[in-house]
Amino acid sequence: MTIYGYARVSTAHQENDLQIDALTRAGAQVIIQEKTSGVRSRKELEVLLAKLLPGDCVLVYKLDRFARSLLDLLAIIAKIEAARATFRSLTESIDNSMPAGRMMLQMFGAFAEFERNIIRERSIAGQKAARERGRVPGRRRSMSPDTEAEAVRLYLTGDHTMHGLSVRFGVSLSAIKRAVYRVTRPNASTLK
């Protein structure tokens, strides 16, 4: 019996650390990581589902990191059950090995889908209102344009790591990644 942890974040510049730490503490023996939006194909999840054996367990930190909708969740759970494996979510305390757990899974899945849709609607409405007032949505950059250009220049020399630059400039690793990606991947829409 193998306990597989599955961790997913929506974009390449996000980190799975919180999920991985929780999955490790919960006993995951193998952790599968994915950096893709819930809309795109999740290749690592498909590989995981294909190799499940009877008695294995798929462990996730939270349902919204696992499935994009209630129908998607139920389809994935059906694949897990067809392999005679089990599913557990740490945050929602769901274990599908018992009837009550399966019922709770369906209820939480429906609520998670509803919550994602509400958050998305609010986010879109807030961005639209900000644009109408002449503001650019999103958080302010943590580095000035000159500092950001210097960090990118240093990174592109190959002599510095992103982590090292985050320490040097006193900003988060994500801030360095976004700055570098704005230059190296200018068409990526998520890196504003």
Protein backbone atom coordinates (compact mmCIF):
# COMPACT_ATOMS: atom_id res chain seq x y z
CA MET A 1 0.00 0.00 0.00
CA THR A 2 1.38 3.38 -1.03
CA ILE A 3 0.16 6.76 0.17
CA TYR A 4 0.43 9.22 -2.72
CA GLY A 5 0.29 12.93 -1.94
CA TYR A 6 -0.93 15.19 -4.75
CA ALA A 7 -0.03 18.89 -4.65
CA ARG A 8 -1.08 21.41 -7.30
CA VAL A 9 -0.75 25.14 -7.77
CA SER A 10 -2.28 27.11 -10.63
CA THR A 11 0.75 28.84 -12.11
CA ALA A 12 4.44 28.12 -12.59
CA HIS A 13 5.53 30.95 -10.28
CA GLN A 14 3.53 29.66 -7.30
CA GLU A 15 4.99 27.17 -4.83
CA ASN A 16 3.60 23.90 -3.44
CA ASP A 17 5.50 24.15 -0.13
CA LEU A 18 2.48 24.46 2.19
CA GLN A 19 0.77 21.50 0.58
CA ILE A 20 3.92 19.36 0.47
CA ASP A 21 4.69 20.00 4.16
CA ALA A 22 1.14 19.02 5.18
CA LEU A 23 1.13 15.91 2.96
CA THR A 24 4.50 14.81 4.33
CA ARG A 25 3.32 15.26 7.93
CA ALA A 26 0.21 13.20 7.09
CA GLY A 27 2.34 10.26 5.92
CA ALA A 28 2.53 10.65 2.14
CA GLN A 29 5.26 8.33 0.88
CA VAL A 30 5.33 9.67 -2.68
CA ILE A 31 4.38 13.26 -3.53
CA ILE A 32 3.24 14.17 -7.04
CA GLN A 33 3.54 17.89 -7.85
CA GLU A 34 1.78 19.77 -10.60
CA LYS A 35 1.95 23.40 -11.65
CA THR A 36 -0.99 23.95 -13.96
CA SER A 37 -4.37 25.63 -13.79
CA GLY A 38 -7.36 23.46 -13.05
CA VAL A 39 -8.61 24.11 -16.58
CA ARG A 40 -5.59 22.60 -18.32
CA SER A 41 -4.79 18.92 -18.58
CA ARG A 42 -3.25 17.61 -15.39
CA LYS A 43 -0.78 15.07 -16.75
CA GLU A 44 0.79 14.17 -13.41
CA LEU A 45 -2.64 13.43 -11.90
CA GLU A 46 -3.52 11.20 -14.86
CA VAL A 47 -0.24 9.27 -14.43
CA LEU A 48 -0.95 8.90 -10.72
CA LEU A 49 -4.48 7.61 -11.30
CA ALA A 50 -3.23 5.10 -13.89
CA LYS A 51 -0.71 3.52 -11.53
CA LEU A 52 -2.94 3.13 -8.46
CA LEU A 53 -3.11 -0.36 -6.98
CA PRO A 54 -5.64 -1.84 -4.55
CA GLY A 55 -5.04 -0.45 -1.06
CA ASP A 56 -3.22 2.68 -2.24
CA CYS A 57 -4.38 6.08 -1.00
CA VAL A 58 -4.49 9.43 -2.77
CA LEU A 59 -3.99 12.21 -0.25
CA VAL A 60 -4.59 15.90 -1.01
CA TYR A 61 -4.27 19.04 1.06
CA LYS A 62 -7.55 20.58 -0.09
CA LEU A 63 -10.27 19.69 -2.59
CA ASP A 64 -9.91 22.88 -4.63
CA ARG A 65 -6.28 21.90 -5.37
CA PHE A 66 -7.52 18.53 -6.66
CA ALA A 67 -10.62 19.04 -8.79
CA ARG A 68 -12.09 21.93 -10.78
CA SER A 69 -15.77 21.05 -10.32
CA LEU A 70 -18.02 18.59 -8.56
CA LEU A 71 -18.33 16.53 -11.75
CA ASP A 72 -14.56 16.48 -12.16
CA LEU A 73 -14.13 15.46 -8.51
CA LEU A 74 -16.64 12.63 -8.84
CA ALA A 75 -14.98 11.38 -12.04
CA ILE A 76 -11.56 11.33 -10.35
CA ILE A 77 -12.97 9.59 -7.27
CA ALA A 78 -14.60 7.00 -9.55
CA LYS A 79 -11.16 6.24 -11.05
CA ILE A 80 -9.65 5.94 -7.58
CA GLU A 81 -12.43 3.61 -6.43
CA ALA A 82 -12.17 1.54 -9.65
CA ALA A 83 -8.54 0.88 -8.70
CA ARG A 84 -9.81 -0.15 -5.22
CA ALA A 85 -7.78 2.67 -3.71
CA THR A 86 -8.95 5.34 -1.27
CA PHE A 87 -8.98 9.12 -1.16
CA ARG A 88 -8.36 11.54 1.71
CA SER A 89 -8.42 15.33 1.93
CA LEU A 90 -6.56 16.82 4.88
CA THR A 91 -8.27 20.20 5.11
CA GLU A 92 -11.81 18.92 4.75
CA SER A 93 -11.16 15.72 6.79
CA ILE A 94 -12.64 13.51 4.08
CA ASP A 95 -12.02 9.79 3.79
CA ASN A 96 -14.00 8.00 1.07
CA SER A 97 -13.47 4.54 2.53
CA MET A 98 -16.81 4.84 4.40
CA PRO A 99 -20.32 5.85 3.22
CA ALA A 100 -20.41 8.96 5.42
CA GLY A 101 -17.06 10.04 3.99
CA ARG A 102 -18.32 9.63 0.42
CA MET A 103 -21.40 11.72 1.22
CA MET A 104 -19.26 14.45 2.83
CA LEU A 105 -16.95 14.36 -0.19
CA GLN A 106 -19.82 15.14 -2.53
CA MET A 107 -21.13 17.92 -0.28
CA PHE A 108 -17.71 19.54 0.14
CA GLY A 109 -17.05 19.20 -3.58
CA ALA A 110 -20.25 21.10 -4.36
CA PHE A 111 -19.41 23.83 -1.81
CA ALA A 112 -15.82 24.12 -3.08
CA GLU A 113 -17.07 24.59 -6.64
CA PHE A 114 -19.58 27.20 -5.48
CA GLU A 115 -16.89 29.06 -3.50
CA ARG A 116 -14.49 29.09 -6.48
CA ASN A 117 -17.22 30.53 -8.72
CA ILE A 118 -18.13 33.25 -6.21
CA ILE A 119 -14.46 34.22 -5.74
CA ARG A 120 -13.96 34.33 -9.51
CA GLU A 121 -17.03 36.57 -10.00
CA ARG A 122 -15.88 38.95 -7.25
CA SER A 123 -12.37 39.08 -8.65
CA ILE A 124 -13.57 39.88 -12.18
CA ALA A 125 -15.96 42.55 -10.88
CA GLY A 126 -13.21 44.12 -8.76
CA GLN A 127 -10.75 44.18 -11.66
CA LYS A 128 -13.35 45.75 -13.94
CA ALA A 129 -14.16 48.44 -11.37
CA ALA A 130 -10.45 49.19 -10.90
CA ARG A 131 -9.90 49.52 -14.66
CA GLU A 132 -12.89 51.89 -14.92
CA ARG A 133 -11.18 54.09 -12.32
CA GLY A 134 -7.94 54.00 -14.32
CA ARG A 135 -6.08 51.64 -11.98
CA VAL A 136 -4.22 48.49 -12.93
CA PRO A 137 -5.48 45.48 -10.94
CA GLY A 138 -3.06 43.46 -8.85
CA ARG A 139 -0.63 44.13 -6.08
CA ARG A 140 2.10 46.71 -6.32
CA ARG A 141 5.51 45.50 -7.33
CA SER A 142 7.92 45.12 -4.45
CA MET A 143 10.90 46.49 -6.43
CA SER A 144 11.35 49.73 -8.30
CA PRO A 145 11.81 49.40 -12.09
CA ASP A 146 15.55 50.07 -11.73
CA THR A 147 15.99 47.51 -8.96
CA GLU A 148 13.94 44.98 -10.88
CA ALA A 149 16.06 45.53 -14.02
CA GLU A 150 19.24 45.04 -11.97
CA ALA A 151 17.91 41.80 -10.43
CA VAL A 152 16.99 40.45 -13.87
CA ARG A 153 20.36 41.49 -15.30
CA LEU A 154 22.18 39.66 -12.50
CA TYR A 155 20.04 36.55 -12.92
CA LEU A 156 20.61 36.44 -16.68
CA THR A 157 24.40 36.42 -16.15
CA GLY A 158 23.98 32.90 -14.79
CA ASP A 159 26.01 33.75 -11.69
CA HIS A 160 23.02 34.20 -9.37
CA THR A 161 20.07 32.07 -8.33
CA MET A 162 16.57 33.44 -7.91
CA HIS A 163 16.71 32.55 -4.23
CA GLY A 164 20.03 34.37 -3.81
CA LEU A 165 18.64 37.45 -5.51
CA SER A 166 15.54 37.42 -3.31
CA VAL A 167 17.81 37.52 -0.25
CA ARG A 168 20.10 40.15 -1.79
CA PHE A 169 17.23 42.50 -2.70
CA GLY A 170 15.10 41.72 0.37
CA VAL A 171 12.05 40.58 -1.59
CA SER A 172 10.17 37.31 -1.93
CA LEU A 173 11.30 34.58 -4.29
CA SER A 174 8.03 35.09 -6.18
CA ALA A 175 8.88 38.76 -6.81
CA ILE A 176 12.18 37.74 -8.41
CA LYS A 177 10.49 35.04 -10.47
CA ARG A 178 7.85 37.45 -11.75
CA ALA A 179 10.51 40.02 -12.68
CA VAL A 180 12.58 37.43 -14.55
CA TYR A 181 9.56 35.91 -16.28
CA ARG A 182 8.35 39.33 -17.43
CA VAL A 183 11.58 39.54 -19.41
CA THR A 184 12.08 35.89 -20.41
CA ARG A 185 8.40 35.02 -20.96
CA PRO A 186 6.77 38.31 -21.96
CA ASN A 187 3.62 36.72 -23.41
CA ALA A 188 2.67 34.89 -20.19
CA SER A 189 -0.59 36.55 -19.13
CA THR A 190 -0.31 35.62 -15.43
CA LEU A 191 2.87 37.59 -14.81
CA LYS A 192 1.66 41.18 -14.64
